[in-house]
C-alpha atoms as a PDB file:
ATOM      1  CA  MET A   1       0.000   0.000   0.000  1.00  0.00           C
ATOM      2  CA  THR A   2       1.111   3.494  -0.663  1.00  0.00           C
ATOM      3  CA  SER A   3       1.533   6.042   2.066  1.00  0.00           C
ATOM      4  CA  CYS A   4      -1.520   7.842   0.691  1.00  0.00           C
ATOM      5  CA  HIS A   5      -3.653   4.766   1.426  1.00  0.00           C
ATOM      6  CA  HIS A   6      -2.248   4.581   4.985  1.00  0.00           C
ATOM      7  CA  ILE A   7      -3.043   8.238   5.587  1.00  0.00           C
ATOM      8  CA  LEU A   8      -6.553   7.794   4.184  1.00  0.00           C
ATOM      9  CA  ARG A   9      -7.191   4.735   6.414  1.00  0.00           C
ATOM     10  CA  TYR A  10      -5.795   6.570   9.437  1.00  0.00           C
ATOM     11  CA  PHE A  11      -7.976   9.616   8.745  1.00  0.00           C
ATOM     12  CA  THR A  12     -11.082   7.409   8.270  1.00  0.00           C
ATOM     13  CA  VAL A  13     -10.500   5.625  11.594  1.00  0.00           C
ATOM     14  CA  ILE A  14     -10.063   8.937  13.419  1.00  0.00           C
ATOM     15  CA  LEU A  15     -13.190  10.368  11.774  1.00  0.00           C
ATOM     16  CA  PHE A  16     -15.363   7.368  12.726  1.00  0.00           C
ATOM     17  CA  THR A  17     -13.974   7.348  16.264  1.00  0.00           C
ATOM     18  CA  PHE A  18     -14.794  11.024  16.690  1.00  0.00           C
ATOM     19  CA  PHE A  19     -18.370  10.735  15.395  1.00  0.00           C
ATOM     20  CA  PHE A  20     -19.252   7.590  17.336  1.00  0.00           C
ATOM     21  CA  SER A  21     -17.722   8.836  20.589  1.00  0.00           C
ATOM     22  CA  THR A  22     -19.615  12.129  20.275  1.00  0.00           C
ATOM     23  CA  ALA A  23     -22.940  10.352  19.716  1.00  0.00           C
ATOM     24  CA  ALA A  24     -22.330   7.878  22.538  1.00  0.00           C
ATOM     25  CA  SER A  25     -21.406  10.519  25.106  1.00  0.00           C
ATOM     26  CA  ALA A  26     -24.321  12.879  24.484  1.00  0.00           C
ATOM     27  CA  ALA A  27     -26.244  13.520  27.685  1.00  0.00           C
ATOM     28  CA  ILE A  28     -29.278  15.581  28.610  1.00  0.00           C
ATOM     29  CA  MET A  29     -29.396  18.175  31.364  1.00  0.00           C
ATOM     30  CA  ALA A  30     -32.744  19.369  32.706  1.00  0.00           C
ATOM     31  CA  HIS A  31     -33.226  22.906  34.022  1.00  0.00           C
ATOM     32  CA  ILE A  32     -36.077  22.646  36.529  1.00  0.00           C
ATOM     33  CA  SER A  33     -38.066  25.486  38.116  1.00  0.00           C
ATOM     34  CA  PHE A  34     -40.773  24.499  40.575  1.00  0.00           C
ATOM     35  CA  ALA A  35     -43.098  26.857  42.480  1.00  0.00           C
ATOM     36  CA  GLN A  36     -45.746  25.734  44.934  1.00  0.00           C
ATOM     37  CA  LYS A  37     -48.251  28.098  46.550  1.00  0.00           C
ATOM     38  CA  LYS A  38     -50.676  27.070  49.276  1.00  0.00           C
ATOM     39  CA  LYS A  39     -53.396  29.137  50.901  1.00  0.00           C
ATOM     40  CA  ILE A  40     -52.996  28.807  54.660  1.00  0.00           C
ATOM     41  CA  ASP A  41     -55.505  31.401  55.870  1.00  0.00           C
ATOM     42  CA  GLN A  42     -57.702  34.175  54.591  1.00  0.00           C
ATOM     43  CA  GLY A  43     -55.369  36.355  52.515  1.00  0.00           C
ATOM     44  CA  LEU A  44     -52.223  34.400  53.505  1.00  0.00           C
ATOM     45  CA  GLU A  45     -50.270  32.228  51.153  1.00  0.00           C
ATOM     46  CA  LEU A  46     -47.258  29.982  51.741  1.00  0.00           C
ATOM     47  CA  SER A  47     -44.923  29.924  48.753  1.00  0.00           C
ATOM     48  CA  SER A  48     -41.899  27.742  48.066  1.00  0.00           C
ATOM     49  CA  GLU A  49     -39.596  27.617  45.064  1.00  0.00           C
ATOM     50  CA  PHE A  50     -37.029  25.125  43.802  1.00  0.00           C
ATOM     51  CA  HIS A  51     -34.547  25.694  40.973  1.00  0.00           C
ATOM     52  CA  SER A  52     -32.030  23.095  39.849  1.00  0.00           C
ATOM     53  CA  VAL A  53     -30.009  21.803  36.911  1.00  0.00           C
ATOM     54  CA  GLU A  54     -29.887  18.006  36.918  1.00  0.00           C
ATOM     55  CA  GLU A  55     -28.321  15.429  34.618  1.00  0.00           C
ATOM     56  CA  ILE A  56     -30.665  12.780  33.234  1.00  0.00           C
ATOM     57  CA  ASP A  57     -29.300   9.290  34.006  1.00  0.00           C
ATOM     58  CA  ASP A  58     -28.356   6.695  31.353  1.00  0.00           C
ATOM     59  CA  ARG A  59     -31.851   5.181  31.435  1.00  0.00           C
ATOM     60  CA  GLY A  60     -33.465   8.587  30.855  1.00  0.00           C
ATOM     61  CA  GLY A  61     -34.723   9.074  34.406  1.00  0.00           C
ATOM     62  CA  LEU A  62     -34.407  11.840  36.967  1.00  0.00           C
ATOM     63  CA  GLU A  63     -35.794  12.480  40.426  1.00  0.00           C
ATOM     64  CA  ALA A  64     -35.275  15.908  41.956  1.00  0.00           C
ATOM     65  CA  VAL A  65     -36.355  16.438  45.567  1.00  0.00           C
ATOM     66  CA  THR A  66     -37.278  19.843  46.969  1.00  0.00           C
ATOM     67  CA  SER A  67     -36.478  20.882  50.535  1.00  0.00           C
ATOM     68  CA  ALA A  68     -40.146  20.239  51.425  1.00  0.00           C
ATOM     69  CA  GLY A  69     -39.821  16.644  50.190  1.00  0.00           C
ATOM     70  CA  THR A  70     -41.790  17.087  46.964  1.00  0.00           C
ATOM     71  CA  ILE A  71     -40.394  14.839  44.223  1.00  0.00           C
ATOM     72  CA  ILE A  72     -40.218  15.793  40.556  1.00  0.00           C
ATOM     73  CA  ALA A  73     -39.874  12.501  38.683  1.00  0.00           C
ATOM     74  CA  LEU A  74     -39.319  12.723  34.957  1.00  0.00           C
ATOM     75  CA  THR A  75     -38.253  10.647  32.023  1.00  0.00           C
ATOM     76  CA  CYS A  76     -36.453  12.359  29.170  1.00  0.00           C
ATOM     77  CA  VAL A  77     -34.940  10.456  26.229  1.00  0.00           C
ATOM     78  CA  PHE A  78     -33.730  11.455  22.781  1.00  0.00           C
ATOM     79  CA  ASP A  79     -36.438  11.232  20.112  1.00  0.00           C
ATOM     80  CA  GLN A  80     -34.247   9.323  17.669  1.00  0.00           C
ATOM     81  CA  ASN A  81     -35.191   9.054  14.039  1.00  0.00           C
ATOM     82  CA  GLU A  82     -33.550   6.396  11.874  1.00  0.00           C
ATOM     83  CA  THR A  83     -32.371   9.134   9.510  1.00  0.00           C
ATOM     84  CA  ASP A  84     -30.652  11.089  12.299  1.00  0.00           C
ATOM     85  CA  TYR A  85     -26.919  10.800  12.660  1.00  0.00           C
ATOM     86  CA  GLY A  86     -25.823  11.331  16.218  1.00  0.00           C
ATOM     87  CA  PRO A  87     -28.169  12.434  18.960  1.00  0.00           C
ATOM     88  CA  SER A  88     -31.427  14.090  18.001  1.00  0.00           C
ATOM     89  CA  ASN A  89     -32.178  17.705  18.858  1.00  0.00           C
ATOM     90  CA  LYS A  90     -35.608  16.602  20.137  1.00  0.00           C
ATOM     91  CA  VAL A  91     -36.518  14.705  23.294  1.00  0.00           C
ATOM     92  CA  LYS A  92     -39.540  12.822  24.619  1.00  0.00           C
ATOM     93  CA  LEU A  93     -40.523  14.026  28.084  1.00  0.00           C
ATOM     94  CA  SER A  94     -42.978  12.618  30.616  1.00  0.00           C
ATOM     95  CA  GLY A  95     -43.289  12.752  34.377  1.00  0.00           C
ATOM     96  CA  GLN A  96     -45.119  13.499  37.564  1.00  0.00           C
ATOM     97  CA  VAL A  97     -44.905  15.433  40.803  1.00  0.00           C
ATOM     98  CA  LEU A  98     -45.083  13.309  43.951  1.00  0.00           C
ATOM     99  CA  ASP A  99     -45.446  14.153  47.617  1.00  0.00           C
ATOM    100  CA  ALA A 100     -42.935  12.937  50.214  1.00  0.00           C
ATOM    101  CA  GLN A 101     -44.872   9.644  50.586  1.00  0.00           C
ATOM    102  CA  ARG A 102     -44.634   9.170  46.795  1.00  0.00           C
ATOM    103  CA  ASN A 103     -48.340   9.804  46.197  1.00  0.00           C
ATOM    104  CA  ILE A 104     -48.998  11.437  42.833  1.00  0.00           C
ATOM    105  CA  ILE A 105     -49.886  15.118  43.147  1.00  0.00           C
ATOM    106  CA  PHE A 106     -50.177  15.491  39.380  1.00  0.00           C
ATOM    107  CA  ALA A 107     -48.844  13.966  36.179  1.00  0.00           C
ATOM    108  CA  PHE A 108     -47.453  16.847  34.126  1.00  0.00           C
ATOM    109  CA  ALA A 109     -46.913  14.805  30.986  1.00  0.00           C
ATOM    110  CA  PRO A 110     -48.637  11.433  31.441  1.00  0.00           C
ATOM    111  CA  HIS A 111     -48.040  10.629  27.772  1.00  0.00           C
ATOM    112  CA  PRO A 112     -44.614  11.546  26.372  1.00  0.00           C
ATOM    113  CA  ILE A 113     -44.483  14.909  24.657  1.00  0.00           C
ATOM    114  CA  VAL A 114     -41.850  15.760  22.056  1.00  0.00           C
ATOM    115  CA  MET A 115     -39.971  19.004  22.543  1.00  0.00           C
ATOM    116  CA  ALA A 116     -36.802  20.567  21.170  1.00  0.00           C
ATOM    117  CA  LEU A 117     -33.656  20.824  23.244  1.00  0.00           C
ATOM    118  CA  GLY A 118     -33.459  24.351  24.637  1.00  0.00           C
ATOM    119  CA  GLU A 119     -37.254  24.762  24.590  1.00  0.00           C
ATOM    120  CA  THR A 120     -38.970  25.523  27.906  1.00  0.00           C
ATOM    121  CA  LYS A 121     -42.232  23.809  28.721  1.00  0.00           C
ATOM    122  CA  THR A 122     -44.351  25.013  31.660  1.00  0.00           C
ATOM    123  CA  PHE A 123     -46.986  22.881  33.378  1.00  0.00           C
ATOM    124  CA  THR A 124     -49.548  24.282  35.817  1.00  0.00           C
ATOM    125  CA  TYR A 125     -51.680  22.392  38.306  1.00  0.00           C
ATOM    126  CA  GLN A 126     -54.352  23.938  40.509  1.00  0.00           C
ATOM    127  CA  ASP A 127     -55.870  21.942  43.345  1.00  0.00           C
ATOM    128  CA  LYS A 128     -58.801  23.982  44.644  1.00  0.00           C
ATOM    129  CA  LYS A 129     -59.668  21.318  47.230  1.00  0.00           C
ATOM    130  CA  HIS A 130     -56.334  21.770  49.024  1.00  0.00           C
ATOM    131  CA  GLY A 131     -55.865  25.372  47.923  1.00  0.00           C
ATOM    132  CA  GLN A 132     -52.576  24.939  46.100  1.00  0.00           C
ATOM    133  CA  LEU A 133     -51.094  26.015  42.802  1.00  0.00           C
ATOM    134  CA  ILE A 134     -48.047  24.338  41.282  1.00  0.00           C
ATOM    135  CA  GLU A 135     -46.024  25.657  38.350  1.00  0.00           C
ATOM    136  CA  LEU A 136     -43.288  23.509  36.884  1.00  0.00           C
ATOM    137  CA  SER A 137     -40.958  24.598  34.059  1.00  0.00           C
ATOM    138  CA  ILE A 138     -38.519  22.216  32.389  1.00  0.00           C
ATOM    139  CA  ARG A 139     -35.876  23.036  29.781  1.00  0.00           C
ATOM    140  CA  PRO A 140     -33.813  20.095  28.485  1.00  0.00           C
ATOM    141  CA  GLU A 141     -30.491  20.703  26.758  1.00  0.00           C
ATOM    142  CA  PHE A 142     -27.218  18.965  25.871  1.00  0.00           C
ATOM    143  CA  ARG A 143     -24.713  18.589  28.672  1.00  0.00           C
END
């Protein structure tokens, strides 16, 4: 083989290694903003907020726990298309908000929704029986 063939083979191996390692190491970070407001008396309201940036695990799951014990459990995976090369720029998101005993307060995306990386999605839940309002914003992006 000529040296040109060796250089071409070497370049091809490096190129494939770069592309496959980039696709394999792509991870999703979730920016989470959570606000909970509860009426405690006539004209009085208790408000708590939680802001965090969390990495989605290899299986696509995440549980973030607020200081009050509320759990934000979500699943976020790449929305791969067979024509995509590398990780997609869209994700499938689903999840729920749980109390400290793991009872469901509300499912904010019971069926997976597709959203673009960098897009913010806000979910609102109002429980008039218990006098609370919950706002949850999630923005997934590449790590």
